[in-house]
Amino acid sequence: MEFKLQPRESIIVTLGNMRQVKQLKKFGILYFVSKSMKYAVLYTDQDKAEQACTAIGKLSSVKRAEISPRAALRTNYDDAESTDYKRTNED
């Protein structure tokens, strides 16, 4: 049996009421819940992320649900790719 990594997508959910956090577990893995700031982070499969985000947004206790933009952010800051700043002798 071969193990394959599933590409995941994180969804940020802003909640109005903390009572119904358990409902979010059926959409993916509930990773973090902040009771004071009333938000939750959950992970779902990448191919099901859009469907889960719209379904979560329809729940009564949810104010807003959006897919995290972290996957689209640039994370490699090599000098070869950076054209904005040039190194000087002081660096």
N, C-alpha and C. Protein backbone atom coordinates (compact mmCIF):
# COMPACT_ATOMS: atom_id res chain seq x y z
N MET A 1 0.84 -1.18 0.00
CA MET A 1 0.00 0.00 0.00
C MET A 1 0.88 1.24 0.00
N GLU A 2 0.63 2.11 -0.93
CA GLU A 2 1.46 3.30 -1.09
C GLU A 2 0.77 4.51 -0.46
N PHE A 3 1.55 5.28 0.25
CA PHE A 3 1.03 6.48 0.90
C PHE A 3 1.18 7.67 -0.04
N LYS A 4 0.09 8.41 -0.24
CA LYS A 4 0.12 9.60 -1.09
C LYS A 4 -0.33 10.79 -0.26
N LEU A 5 0.41 11.87 -0.37
CA LEU A 5 0.04 13.10 0.30
C LEU A 5 -1.09 13.78 -0.44
N GLN A 6 -2.11 14.17 0.28
CA GLN A 6 -3.23 14.89 -0.31
C GLN A 6 -2.94 16.39 -0.23
N PRO A 7 -3.05 17.11 -1.34
CA PRO A 7 -2.90 18.56 -1.25
C PRO A 7 -4.06 19.16 -0.46
N ARG A 8 -3.74 20.00 0.48
CA ARG A 8 -4.75 20.56 1.39
C ARG A 8 -4.88 22.06 1.18
N GLU A 9 -6.00 22.57 1.59
CA GLU A 9 -6.31 24.00 1.52
C GLU A 9 -6.90 24.41 2.86
N SER A 10 -6.49 25.55 3.38
CA SER A 10 -7.04 25.99 4.66
C SER A 10 -8.17 26.99 4.43
N ILE A 11 -9.18 26.89 5.27
CA ILE A 11 -10.34 27.78 5.20
C ILE A 11 -10.44 28.51 6.53
N ILE A 12 -10.54 29.84 6.45
CA ILE A 12 -10.69 30.68 7.64
C ILE A 12 -12.17 30.99 7.78
N VAL A 13 -12.73 30.70 8.96
CA VAL A 13 -14.16 30.86 9.20
C VAL A 13 -14.35 31.85 10.34
N THR A 14 -15.05 32.95 10.07
CA THR A 14 -15.41 33.92 11.09
C THR A 14 -16.79 33.56 11.62
N LEU A 15 -16.87 33.41 12.94
CA LEU A 15 -18.10 32.91 13.56
C LEU A 15 -18.82 34.00 14.33
N GLY A 16 -20.12 33.93 14.35
CA GLY A 16 -20.91 34.83 15.16
C GLY A 16 -21.25 34.20 16.50
N ASN A 17 -21.33 32.89 16.52
CA ASN A 17 -21.71 32.15 17.71
C ASN A 17 -20.79 30.94 17.82
N MET A 18 -20.22 30.71 19.00
CA MET A 18 -19.27 29.63 19.18
C MET A 18 -19.94 28.29 19.47
N ARG A 19 -21.24 28.25 19.62
CA ARG A 19 -21.92 27.01 19.99
C ARG A 19 -21.87 25.96 18.88
N GLN A 20 -21.81 26.38 17.65
CA GLN A 20 -21.92 25.44 16.54
C GLN A 20 -20.58 25.15 15.87
N VAL A 21 -19.52 25.20 16.63
CA VAL A 21 -18.19 24.91 16.08
C VAL A 21 -18.09 23.44 15.68
N LYS A 22 -18.78 22.57 16.39
CA LYS A 22 -18.71 21.14 16.11
C LYS A 22 -19.23 20.80 14.72
N GLN A 23 -20.09 21.64 14.16
CA GLN A 23 -20.60 21.41 12.82
C GLN A 23 -19.51 21.52 11.77
N LEU A 24 -18.46 22.27 12.06
CA LEU A 24 -17.39 22.46 11.09
C LEU A 24 -16.56 21.20 10.88
N LYS A 25 -16.61 20.28 11.82
CA LYS A 25 -15.80 19.06 11.72
C LYS A 25 -16.19 18.17 10.55
N LYS A 26 -17.42 18.28 10.07
CA LYS A 26 -17.83 17.44 8.96
C LYS A 26 -17.29 17.94 7.61
N PHE A 27 -16.71 19.13 7.57
CA PHE A 27 -16.16 19.68 6.34
C PHE A 27 -14.67 19.44 6.20
N GLY A 28 -14.00 19.05 7.27
CA GLY A 28 -12.56 18.81 7.21
C GLY A 28 -11.99 18.69 8.61
N ILE A 29 -10.69 18.87 8.70
CA ILE A 29 -10.00 18.77 9.98
C ILE A 29 -9.99 20.14 10.64
N LEU A 30 -10.60 20.23 11.79
CA LEU A 30 -10.63 21.48 12.55
C LEU A 30 -9.29 21.66 13.23
N TYR A 31 -8.53 22.65 12.79
CA TYR A 31 -7.14 22.82 13.23
C TYR A 31 -7.03 23.75 14.44
N PHE A 32 -7.74 24.87 14.41
CA PHE A 32 -7.61 25.86 15.48
C PHE A 32 -8.93 26.59 15.65
N VAL A 33 -9.27 26.89 16.91
CA VAL A 33 -10.47 27.68 17.23
C VAL A 33 -10.08 28.72 18.25
N SER A 34 -10.38 29.98 17.97
CA SER A 34 -10.14 31.07 18.90
C SER A 34 -11.47 31.52 19.47
N LYS A 35 -11.66 31.29 20.76
CA LYS A 35 -12.93 31.66 21.39
C LYS A 35 -13.03 33.17 21.58
N SER A 36 -11.93 33.83 21.87
CA SER A 36 -11.98 35.27 22.12
C SER A 36 -12.17 36.07 20.83
N MET A 37 -11.54 35.64 19.74
CA MET A 37 -11.66 36.36 18.47
C MET A 37 -12.73 35.77 17.55
N LYS A 38 -13.32 34.65 17.96
CA LYS A 38 -14.43 34.00 17.25
C LYS A 38 -14.10 33.67 15.79
N TYR A 39 -13.04 32.89 15.62
CA TYR A 39 -12.74 32.38 14.29
C TYR A 39 -12.18 30.97 14.42
N ALA A 40 -12.19 30.26 13.30
CA ALA A 40 -11.69 28.89 13.27
C ALA A 40 -10.93 28.68 11.97
N VAL A 41 -9.95 27.77 12.02
CA VAL A 41 -9.17 27.40 10.85
C VAL A 41 -9.37 25.90 10.65
N LEU A 42 -9.74 25.51 9.44
CA LEU A 42 -9.87 24.09 9.16
C LEU A 42 -9.24 23.76 7.83
N TYR A 43 -8.81 22.52 7.70
CA TYR A 43 -8.15 22.06 6.49
C TYR A 43 -9.05 21.06 5.77
N THR A 44 -9.14 21.22 4.44
CA THR A 44 -9.90 20.29 3.60
C THR A 44 -9.04 19.91 2.40
N ASP A 45 -9.48 18.91 1.66
CA ASP A 45 -8.78 18.54 0.43
C ASP A 45 -8.90 19.69 -0.56
N GLN A 46 -7.87 19.86 -1.37
CA GLN A 46 -7.82 21.00 -2.28
C GLN A 46 -8.94 20.96 -3.32
N ASP A 47 -9.31 19.77 -3.77
CA ASP A 47 -10.36 19.68 -4.79
C ASP A 47 -11.76 19.92 -4.23
N LYS A 48 -11.93 19.80 -2.91
CA LYS A 48 -13.23 20.01 -2.28
C LYS A 48 -13.32 21.35 -1.55
N ALA A 49 -12.30 22.19 -1.65
CA ALA A 49 -12.24 23.41 -0.85
C ALA A 49 -13.32 24.42 -1.23
N GLU A 50 -13.57 24.61 -2.52
CA GLU A 50 -14.57 25.58 -2.96
C GLU A 50 -15.97 25.17 -2.50
N GLN A 51 -16.29 23.89 -2.66
CA GLN A 51 -17.60 23.40 -2.24
C GLN A 51 -17.78 23.53 -0.74
N ALA A 52 -16.74 23.20 0.01
CA ALA A 52 -16.82 23.28 1.46
C ALA A 52 -16.96 24.72 1.91
N CYS A 53 -16.26 25.64 1.25
CA CYS A 53 -16.32 27.06 1.64
C CYS A 53 -17.72 27.63 1.42
N THR A 54 -18.35 27.28 0.32
CA THR A 54 -19.71 27.78 0.09
C THR A 54 -20.71 27.15 1.05
N ALA A 55 -20.52 25.86 1.35
CA ALA A 55 -21.42 25.19 2.29
C ALA A 55 -21.26 25.72 3.71
N ILE A 56 -20.03 26.02 4.09
CA ILE A 56 -19.79 26.58 5.42
C ILE A 56 -20.38 27.98 5.52
N GLY A 57 -20.28 28.76 4.45
CA GLY A 57 -20.84 30.11 4.45
C GLY A 57 -22.34 30.14 4.61
N LYS A 58 -23.03 29.05 4.29
CA LYS A 58 -24.48 28.99 4.42
C LYS A 58 -24.95 28.63 5.83
N LEU A 59 -24.04 28.22 6.70
CA LEU A 59 -24.43 27.88 8.06
C LEU A 59 -24.89 29.12 8.82
N SER A 60 -25.79 28.93 9.77
CA SER A 60 -26.39 30.06 10.45
C SER A 60 -25.43 30.81 11.38
N SER A 61 -24.46 30.13 11.95
CA SER A 61 -23.56 30.77 12.90
C SER A 61 -22.34 31.40 12.24
N VAL A 62 -22.18 31.21 10.94
CA VAL A 62 -20.99 31.68 10.23
C VAL A 62 -21.24 33.06 9.63
N LYS A 63 -20.35 33.99 9.94
CA LYS A 63 -20.43 35.32 9.32
C LYS A 63 -19.72 35.34 7.96
N ARG A 64 -18.53 34.71 7.91
CA ARG A 64 -17.75 34.73 6.68
C ARG A 64 -16.85 33.50 6.62
N ALA A 65 -16.69 32.94 5.45
CA ALA A 65 -15.78 31.82 5.22
C ALA A 65 -15.01 32.10 3.95
N GLU A 66 -13.69 31.99 4.03
CA GLU A 66 -12.86 32.25 2.86
C GLU A 66 -11.65 31.33 2.85
N ILE A 67 -11.19 31.01 1.66
CA ILE A 67 -10.00 30.18 1.51
C ILE A 67 -8.77 31.05 1.78
N SER A 68 -7.86 30.52 2.54
CA SER A 68 -6.66 31.27 2.93
C SER A 68 -5.78 31.54 1.71
N PRO A 69 -5.27 32.76 1.56
CA PRO A 69 -4.42 33.08 0.40
C PRO A 69 -2.97 32.64 0.59
N ARG A 70 -2.68 31.90 1.63
CA ARG A 70 -1.30 31.52 1.93
C ARG A 70 -0.66 30.70 0.82
N ALA A 71 -1.41 29.85 0.14
CA ALA A 71 -0.86 29.01 -0.92
C ALA A 71 -0.41 29.83 -2.12
N ALA A 72 -1.00 30.99 -2.33
CA ALA A 72 -0.66 31.84 -3.48
C ALA A 72 0.48 32.80 -3.18
N LEU A 73 0.88 32.91 -1.92
CA LEU A 73 1.95 33.83 -1.56
C LEU A 73 3.31 33.28 -1.94
N ARG A 74 4.21 34.19 -2.27
CA ARG A 74 5.57 33.80 -2.61
C ARG A 74 6.33 33.48 -1.33
N THR A 75 7.00 32.35 -1.30
CA THR A 75 7.75 31.95 -0.11
C THR A 75 9.24 31.80 -0.37
N ASN A 76 9.67 31.85 -1.61
CA ASN A 76 11.07 31.71 -1.95
C ASN A 76 11.65 33.10 -2.21
N TYR A 77 12.60 33.50 -1.39
CA TYR A 77 13.17 34.84 -1.50
C TYR A 77 14.66 34.77 -1.85
N ASP A 78 15.00 33.97 -2.85
CA ASP A 78 16.38 33.88 -3.29
C ASP A 78 16.80 35.17 -3.98
N ASP A 79 18.12 35.41 -4.01
CA ASP A 79 18.63 36.63 -4.65
C ASP A 79 18.44 36.59 -6.16
N ALA A 80 18.44 35.41 -6.75
CA ALA A 80 18.28 35.29 -8.20
C ALA A 80 16.90 35.75 -8.64
N GLU A 81 15.90 35.51 -7.83
CA GLU A 81 14.54 35.89 -8.21
C GLU A 81 14.20 37.32 -7.80
N SER A 82 14.93 37.85 -6.85
CA SER A 82 14.61 39.18 -6.35
C SER A 82 15.22 40.24 -7.25
N THR A 83 14.38 41.03 -7.87
CA THR A 83 14.85 42.14 -8.70
C THR A 83 14.51 43.48 -8.08
N ASP A 84 13.78 43.46 -6.98
CA ASP A 84 13.38 44.71 -6.36
C ASP A 84 14.52 45.39 -5.62
N TYR A 85 15.35 44.61 -4.96
CA TYR A 85 16.43 45.17 -4.15
C TYR A 85 17.75 44.59 -4.59
N LYS A 86 18.75 45.44 -4.69
CA LYS A 86 20.08 45.02 -5.06
C LYS A 86 20.97 45.03 -3.84
N ARG A 87 21.85 44.05 -3.78
CA ARG A 87 22.80 43.99 -2.66
C ARG A 87 23.85 45.08 -2.80
N THR A 88 24.24 45.60 -1.67
CA THR A 88 25.29 46.60 -1.64
C THR A 88 26.47 46.05 -0.84
N ASN A 89 27.52 46.83 -0.71
CA ASN A 89 28.69 46.40 0.06
C ASN A 89 28.37 46.28 1.54
N GLU A 90 27.38 46.99 2.02
CA GLU A 90 27.03 46.95 3.41
C GLU A 90 26.35 45.65 3.80
N ASP A 91 25.77 44.96 2.82
CA ASP A 91 25.07 43.70 3.12
C ASP A 91 26.06 42.66 3.35
